[in-house]
Protein backbone atom coordinates (compact mmCIF):
# COMPACT_ATOMS: atom_id res chain seq x y z
CA UNK A 1 -12.12 4.06 14.56
CA UNK A 2 -13.80 3.38 17.67
CA UNK A 3 -12.90 -0.29 18.67
CA UNK A 4 -16.04 -1.76 17.07
CA UNK A 5 -16.45 0.32 14.35
CA UNK A 6 -15.79 -1.78 11.33
CA UNK A 7 -13.35 -1.33 8.32
CA UNK A 8 -15.33 -0.86 5.39
CA UNK A 9 -14.01 -3.63 3.67
CA UNK A 10 -15.72 -5.74 5.84
CA UNK A 11 -19.78 -4.37 5.05
CA UNK A 12 -18.75 -5.47 1.23
CA UNK A 13 -19.34 -9.10 -0.77
CA UNK A 14 -15.90 -11.26 -1.67
CA UNK A 15 -17.05 -10.44 -5.09
CA UNK A 16 -16.26 -7.21 -5.12
CA UNK A 17 -13.70 -6.20 -2.62
CA UNK A 18 -10.95 -4.11 -4.43
CA UNK A 19 -6.93 -4.76 -4.53
CA UNK A 20 -5.05 -4.31 -1.31
CA UNK A 21 -3.71 -1.68 -4.08
CA UNK A 22 -6.66 0.11 -4.20
CA UNK A 23 -7.63 -0.81 -0.25
CA UNK A 24 -4.92 1.02 0.10
CA UNK A 25 -5.96 4.27 -1.70
CA UNK A 26 -9.28 5.09 -0.88
CA UNK A 27 -8.66 4.32 2.72
CA UNK A 28 -6.81 8.20 2.17
CA UNK A 29 -9.69 8.83 -0.03
CA UNK A 30 -12.51 8.28 2.85
CA UNK A 31 -9.67 9.57 5.34
CA UNK A 32 -9.42 12.88 3.77
CA UNK A 33 -12.62 13.12 3.44
CA UNK A 34 -14.00 12.17 6.50
CA UNK A 35 -16.43 9.64 5.42
CA UNK A 36 -17.85 7.34 7.51
CA UNK A 37 -16.99 3.40 6.92
CA UNK A 38 -20.33 2.60 6.00
CA UNK A 39 -21.67 5.30 3.91
CA UNK A 40 -17.68 4.55 2.55
CA UNK A 41 -18.23 1.50 1.55
CA UNK A 42 -22.14 2.14 -0.03
CA UNK A 43 -19.79 4.45 -2.35
CA UNK A 44 -17.93 1.36 -3.84
CA UNK A 45 -20.55 -0.79 -3.84
CA UNK A 46 -22.87 1.35 -5.84
CA UNK A 47 -19.36 1.99 -7.84
CA UNK A 48 -20.56 0.57 -11.86
CA UNK A 49 -17.00 -0.57 -11.63
CA UNK A 50 -18.11 -3.18 -8.97
CA UNK A 51 -21.03 -3.96 -11.14
CA UNK A 52 -17.75 -4.25 -13.92
CA UNK A 53 -15.91 -6.46 -12.09
CA UNK A 54 -19.21 -8.20 -10.60
CA UNK A 55 -20.15 -8.94 -14.61
CA UNK A 56 -16.62 -10.04 -15.11
CA UNK A 57 -16.91 -13.03 -12.58
CA UNK A 58 -19.69 -13.76 -14.33
CA UNK A 59 -18.38 -14.21 -17.52
CA UNK A 60 -15.50 -16.24 -16.62
CA UNK A 61 -18.07 -18.45 -15.09
CA UNK A 62 -20.16 -18.29 -18.20
CA UNK A 63 -16.61 -19.43 -20.90
CA UNK A 64 -16.57 -22.46 -18.14
CA UNK A 65 -19.31 -23.99 -18.75
CA UNK A 66 -19.85 -22.94 -22.71
CA UNK A 67 -16.54 -22.34 -23.82
CA UNK A 68 -17.49 -21.69 -27.52
CA UNK A 69 -19.95 -18.47 -26.83
CA UNK A 70 -19.46 -16.12 -29.03
CA UNK A 71 -19.15 -11.91 -27.84
CA UNK A 72 -22.33 -11.09 -28.47
CA UNK A 73 -24.08 -13.63 -27.15
CA UNK A 74 -21.38 -13.72 -23.69
CA UNK A 75 -22.44 -9.81 -23.40
CA UNK A 76 -25.96 -11.21 -22.88
CA UNK A 77 -26.22 -13.54 -21.30
CA UNK A 78 -23.16 -12.29 -18.91
CA UNK A 79 -26.42 -9.14 -18.37
CA UNK A 80 -29.28 -11.85 -18.20
CA UNK A 81 -26.85 -13.32 -15.04
CA UNK A 82 -26.55 -10.99 -13.25
CA UNK A 83 -30.41 -9.64 -13.42
CA UNK A 84 -30.99 -12.53 -12.31
CA UNK A 85 -29.05 -13.02 -9.47
CA UNK A 86 -29.95 -9.54 -7.98
CA UNK A 87 -33.41 -10.11 -8.21
CA UNK A 88 -33.28 -13.74 -7.30
CA UNK A 89 -35.42 -15.11 -9.69
CA UNK A 90 -32.89 -18.00 -10.01
CA UNK A 91 -29.85 -19.78 -7.99
CA UNK A 92 -27.76 -18.57 -10.97
CA UNK A 93 -24.88 -18.90 -8.55
CA UNK A 94 -25.26 -22.62 -9.40
CA UNK A 95 -25.71 -22.78 -12.43
CA UNK A 96 -24.54 -20.54 -15.36
CA UNK A 97 -25.75 -22.97 -17.98
CA UNK A 98 -26.26 -20.76 -20.90
CA UNK A 99 -29.57 -22.35 -21.49
CA UNK A 100 -31.20 -22.32 -17.75
CA UNK A 101 -29.95 -18.31 -17.31
CA UNK A 102 -31.84 -17.87 -21.23
CA UNK A 103 -34.81 -20.73 -19.65
CA UNK A 104 -35.13 -18.20 -16.83
CA UNK A 105 -34.88 -14.98 -18.16
CA UNK A 106 -37.80 -15.29 -20.68
CA UNK A 107 -40.28 -16.69 -17.23
CA UNK A 108 -39.24 -13.79 -14.98
CA UNK A 109 -37.70 -10.75 -17.29
CA UNK A 110 -39.13 -10.55 -20.48
CA UNK A 111 -39.59 -7.22 -20.92
CA UNK A 112 -35.62 -7.03 -20.27
CA UNK A 113 -34.49 -10.29 -23.10
CA UNK A 114 -36.23 -8.46 -25.71
CA UNK A 115 -34.90 -4.51 -24.80
CA UNK A 116 -31.39 -6.80 -24.78
CA UNK A 117 -32.64 -8.47 -27.65
CA UNK A 118 -33.07 -4.99 -29.78
CA UNK A 119 -30.03 -3.36 -29.14
CA UNK A 120 -27.39 -6.11 -28.32
CA UNK A 121 -25.62 -4.99 -31.69
CA UNK A 122 -24.66 -1.74 -30.42
CA UNK A 123 -23.36 -2.52 -27.40
CA UNK A 124 -19.79 -2.28 -27.45
CA UNK A 125 -17.18 -4.51 -25.12
CA UNK A 126 -18.48 -4.82 -21.39
CA UNK A 127 -18.04 -1.69 -21.13
CA UNK A 128 -20.56 -0.96 -22.94
CA UNK A 129 -22.53 -3.68 -21.30
CA UNK A 130 -21.82 -1.87 -18.11
CA UNK A 131 -23.18 1.67 -19.40
CA UNK A 132 -26.40 -0.60 -20.76
CA UNK A 133 -26.72 -1.61 -17.14
CA UNK A 134 -26.71 0.99 -15.41
CA UNK A 135 -29.51 3.13 -17.91
CA UNK A 136 -32.03 0.70 -16.80
CA UNK A 137 -33.84 1.51 -13.50
CA UNK A 138 -33.39 -2.72 -12.39
CA UNK A 139 -29.87 -1.82 -12.09
CA UNK A 140 -30.56 1.86 -10.20
CA UNK A 141 -28.18 1.07 -6.82
CA UNK A 142 -25.03 0.91 -9.52
CA UNK A 143 -24.55 5.01 -9.60
CA UNK A 144 -27.50 6.05 -8.50
CA UNK A 145 -25.89 8.38 -5.83
CA UNK A 146 -25.64 12.19 -7.87
CA UNK A 147 -22.17 12.86 -9.14
CA UNK A 148 -20.08 14.12 -6.24
CA UNK A 149 -15.65 14.38 -5.83
CA UNK A 150 -15.89 11.39 -3.62
CA UNK A 151 -17.68 8.85 -5.47
CA UNK A 152 -15.47 10.14 -8.25
CA UNK A 153 -12.79 9.35 -6.67
CA UNK A 154 -14.11 6.29 -5.33
CA UNK A 155 -15.23 5.46 -9.65
CA UNK A 156 -11.55 6.40 -10.86
CA UNK A 157 -9.55 4.51 -8.21
CA UNK A 158 -11.64 1.57 -9.35
CA UNK A 159 -11.45 1.86 -13.07
CA UNK A 160 -14.31 3.75 -14.01
CA UNK A 161 -13.45 6.28 -15.97
CA UNK A 162 -17.30 6.58 -17.95
CA UNK A 163 -16.30 6.92 -21.64
CA UNK A 164 -18.90 7.54 -23.35
CA UNK A 165 -19.08 4.73 -26.47
CA UNK A 166 -20.52 7.11 -28.70
CA UNK A 167 -17.84 9.03 -28.36
CA UNK A 168 -15.08 5.73 -29.17
CA UNK A 169 -16.92 4.55 -31.86
CA UNK A 170 -17.24 8.20 -33.93
CA UNK A 171 -13.48 9.05 -33.24
CA UNK A 172 -12.48 4.96 -34.45
CA UNK A 173 -14.34 5.86 -37.60
CA UNK A 174 -13.20 9.42 -38.18
CA UNK A 175 -9.56 7.82 -37.76
CA UNK A 176 -11.13 5.53 -40.81
CA UNK A 177 -11.75 2.19 -39.11
CA UNK A 178 -9.25 1.85 -36.63
CA UNK A 179 -6.99 3.91 -34.39
CA UNK A 180 -3.74 3.81 -36.34
CA UNK A 181 -1.55 2.66 -33.36
CA UNK A 182 -4.18 -0.31 -32.73
CA UNK A 183 -2.56 -2.31 -35.25
CA UNK A 184 0.71 -2.08 -33.70
CA UNK A 185 -0.73 -4.10 -31.28
CA UNK A 186 -1.93 -7.42 -31.65
CA UNK A 187 -5.53 -8.06 -31.01
CA UNK A 188 -5.68 -11.11 -27.34
CA UNK A 189 -3.68 -7.44 -25.49
CA UNK A 190 -6.18 -4.37 -27.39
CA UNK A 191 -7.30 -2.26 -25.24
CA UNK A 192 -11.40 -2.36 -24.54
CA UNK A 193 -13.31 -0.16 -26.37
CA UNK A 194 -13.49 2.37 -22.51
CA UNK A 195 -9.76 3.00 -22.47
CA UNK A 196 -9.38 3.84 -26.27
CA UNK A 197 -10.91 7.15 -26.00
CA UNK A 198 -8.90 8.48 -23.49
CA UNK A 199 -5.89 6.42 -24.66
CA UNK A 200 -5.59 9.13 -27.88
CA UNK A 201 -7.08 11.81 -26.32
CA UNK A 202 -2.93 11.02 -24.48
CA UNK A 203 -1.91 10.47 -28.02
CA UNK A 204 -3.17 13.24 -29.19
CA UNK A 205 -2.22 15.38 -26.29
CA UNK A 206 1.56 15.02 -26.75
CA UNK A 207 1.33 13.99 -30.21
CA UNK A 208 2.96 10.60 -30.49
CA UNK A 209 3.44 8.93 -34.00
CA UNK A 210 1.07 6.10 -33.59
CA UNK A 211 3.62 3.75 -34.82
CA UNK A 212 5.19 4.77 -31.12
CA UNK A 213 2.89 5.26 -29.03
CA UNK A 214 1.21 1.28 -30.54
CA UNK A 215 4.84 0.67 -29.08
CA UNK A 216 4.87 2.83 -25.09
CA UNK A 217 1.41 0.38 -25.22
CA UNK A 218 2.57 -2.77 -25.68
CA UNK A 219 5.06 -2.57 -23.18
CA UNK A 220 2.74 -1.15 -19.89
CA UNK A 221 2.68 -2.74 -17.24
CA UNK A 222 -1.36 -2.15 -17.98
CA UNK A 223 -0.83 -4.61 -20.56
CA UNK A 224 0.58 -7.12 -18.54
CA UNK A 225 -2.33 -7.19 -16.67
CA UNK A 226 -3.73 -8.20 -19.62
CA UNK A 227 -1.58 -10.63 -21.15
CA UNK A 228 -2.46 -12.56 -17.12
CA UNK A 229 -5.54 -11.19 -16.38
CA UNK A 230 -6.33 -13.30 -19.86
CA UNK A 231 -3.75 -16.26 -18.90
CA UNK A 232 -5.57 -16.64 -15.84
CA UNK A 233 -9.04 -16.37 -17.91
CA UNK A 234 -7.62 -19.54 -20.27
CA UNK A 235 -6.49 -21.71 -17.96
CA UNK A 236 -9.58 -21.24 -16.04
CA UNK A 237 -11.80 -22.70 -18.68
CA UNK A 238 -8.86 -25.63 -19.50
CA UNK A 239 -8.62 -27.19 -15.80
CA UNK A 240 -11.96 -25.72 -14.00
CA UNK A 241 -10.92 -27.95 -11.03
CA UNK A 242 -7.88 -25.77 -10.03
CA UNK A 243 -7.23 -23.57 -7.41
CA UNK A 244 -6.23 -19.85 -8.24
CA UNK A 245 -2.67 -20.21 -6.83
CA UNK A 246 -1.91 -23.37 -8.92
CA UNK A 247 -3.51 -21.62 -11.98
CA UNK A 248 -0.77 -18.60 -10.59
CA UNK A 249 2.13 -21.17 -10.45
CA UNK A 250 1.53 -21.99 -14.11
CA UNK A 251 1.39 -18.02 -15.08
CA UNK A 252 5.15 -16.87 -13.01
CA UNK A 253 6.24 -20.35 -14.57
CA UNK A 254 5.34 -19.44 -18.21
CA UNK A 255 6.83 -15.63 -17.24
CA UNK A 256 10.28 -16.58 -16.01
CA UNK A 257 10.30 -18.98 -19.39
CA UNK A 258 9.40 -16.35 -21.61
CA UNK A 259 11.93 -14.48 -19.68
CA UNK A 260 14.34 -16.36 -20.21
CA UNK A 261 14.06 -16.83 -23.24
CA UNK A 262 14.11 -13.23 -24.32
CA UNK A 263 17.29 -12.72 -22.46
CA UNK A 264 18.64 -15.22 -25.11
CA UNK A 265 18.67 -18.77 -23.01
CA UNK A 266 17.65 -21.72 -25.19
CA UNK A 267 14.10 -24.26 -24.61
CA UNK A 268 16.52 -26.48 -23.29
CA UNK A 269 18.51 -24.09 -20.50
CA UNK A 270 14.98 -21.96 -19.54
CA UNK A 271 13.54 -25.14 -18.76
CA UNK A 272 16.51 -26.21 -16.73
CA UNK A 273 16.86 -23.32 -14.93
CA UNK A 274 13.32 -23.19 -13.56
CA UNK A 275 13.64 -27.21 -12.56
CA UNK A 276 16.58 -25.88 -10.49
CA UNK A 277 15.74 -25.86 -6.23
CA UNK A 278 15.93 -22.52 -5.78
CA UNK A 279 13.99 -21.41 -9.05
CA UNK A 280 10.84 -23.25 -7.72
CA UNK A 281 10.99 -22.20 -4.19
CA UNK A 282 11.36 -18.19 -5.18
CA UNK A 283 8.09 -19.09 -7.25
CA UNK A 284 6.51 -21.38 -4.37
CA UNK A 285 7.71 -17.81 -1.49
CA UNK A 286 5.36 -15.56 -4.36
CA UNK A 287 2.77 -18.13 -4.22
CA UNK A 288 1.99 -18.10 -1.00
CA UNK A 289 1.63 -14.05 -1.09
CA UNK A 290 -0.06 -13.10 -4.54
CA UNK A 291 -4.12 -13.27 -4.24
CA UNK A 292 -5.43 -11.84 -6.92
CA UNK A 293 -3.55 -11.06 -10.91
CA UNK A 294 -2.83 -7.49 -9.85
CA UNK A 295 -0.88 -8.97 -7.04
CA UNK A 296 0.99 -11.66 -9.53
CA UNK A 297 0.92 -8.37 -12.00
CA UNK A 298 2.24 -6.24 -9.28
CA UNK A 299 5.16 -8.41 -8.44
CA UNK A 300 6.50 -9.28 -12.05
CA UNK A 301 6.21 -5.55 -13.08
CA UNK A 302 8.52 -4.79 -9.92
CA UNK A 303 10.77 -7.39 -9.55
CA UNK A 304 11.31 -8.58 -13.35
CA UNK A 305 10.72 -5.96 -15.72
CA UNK A 306 12.61 -2.99 -16.03
CA UNK A 307 9.50 -0.77 -17.08
CA UNK A 308 10.06 1.80 -13.89
CA UNK A 309 13.31 1.33 -13.77
CA UNK A 310 14.70 2.32 -16.57
CA UNK A 311 12.13 4.12 -18.96
CA UNK A 312 11.91 7.85 -18.55
CA UNK A 313 8.96 9.48 -18.39
CA UNK A 314 9.83 13.23 -17.01
CA UNK A 315 5.71 13.65 -18.44
CA UNK A 316 3.99 10.78 -16.90
CA UNK A 317 2.68 9.49 -20.34
CA UNK A 318 3.55 5.71 -19.71
CA UNK A 319 2.69 6.48 -16.03
CA UNK A 320 -0.63 7.11 -17.54
CA UNK A 321 -1.18 4.54 -19.85
CA UNK A 322 -0.52 2.17 -16.97
CA UNK A 323 -3.12 4.16 -15.44
CA UNK A 324 -5.52 3.63 -18.61
CA UNK A 325 -5.22 0.32 -18.64
CA UNK A 326 -6.13 -1.10 -15.30
CA UNK A 327 -2.28 -0.68 -13.33
CA UNK A 328 -1.55 1.51 -10.47
CA UNK A 329 2.09 1.29 -8.27
CA UNK A 330 2.13 -0.56 -5.24
């Protein structure tokens, strides 16, 4: 890299900047394929995974303004808000009120509104919404380039596997409305539709009983990551003025508290332990280094969970489950 050449991450908006772990993996791919930084930034920017990340952030902001919005309306509002922002039809960056989104969309994107209303009931989850958007010419920037080894590698590292929701739905119906192992998992921690088919393919490949497979998912670092993300979103709704550091502090202290109870402490003893100066010092030092949910997950999993240290994984099944759920080792 020449002295004046910028690293590819410097060409990206903060909203789609990958995690530190993903940047490291992407750097290896870029160097291996000898792709210049500007071109590589385009591969990351145009990945469906980047569109999904934008949608996630928009959903969080809509929930702040309207926490009671149901899932179907949330998907519709997310699509419209991203479209409005993309085409600069309105300043949705400072207004995520549902009524404002609907109003401006009806005025400027009537065709999209009508089409979305006709198909919204068939869209399953955020991955399904992203696929709907990818099929719309208005979002042609994402995934517009022909499939290539480089683009596929970037998409995979960023967590996009290109699963077809129709295949997922067919598989679920064939299993009798639900894959049996899903019933082993609390609704709040169940994987999203985009991961289901690949998880089921993995279970079948190794002929893992449904109950055992459900337990493997529950104790996976990928589920830890999902739990932290849900806690973060919930705290964000209840404490919209809190900084990220304050929210991460609450999450990590609650994790220590529940871990102490699981280890046999009473709630009173766990609270007393957490209030000790040495324990608070650990929390404070960790919070200074944490910039994202992925950083927080990496810290907890690598330092405090026993998954990687004591779980036998000769065929890499647990590692594959974690990656399908969005967690990769640092």
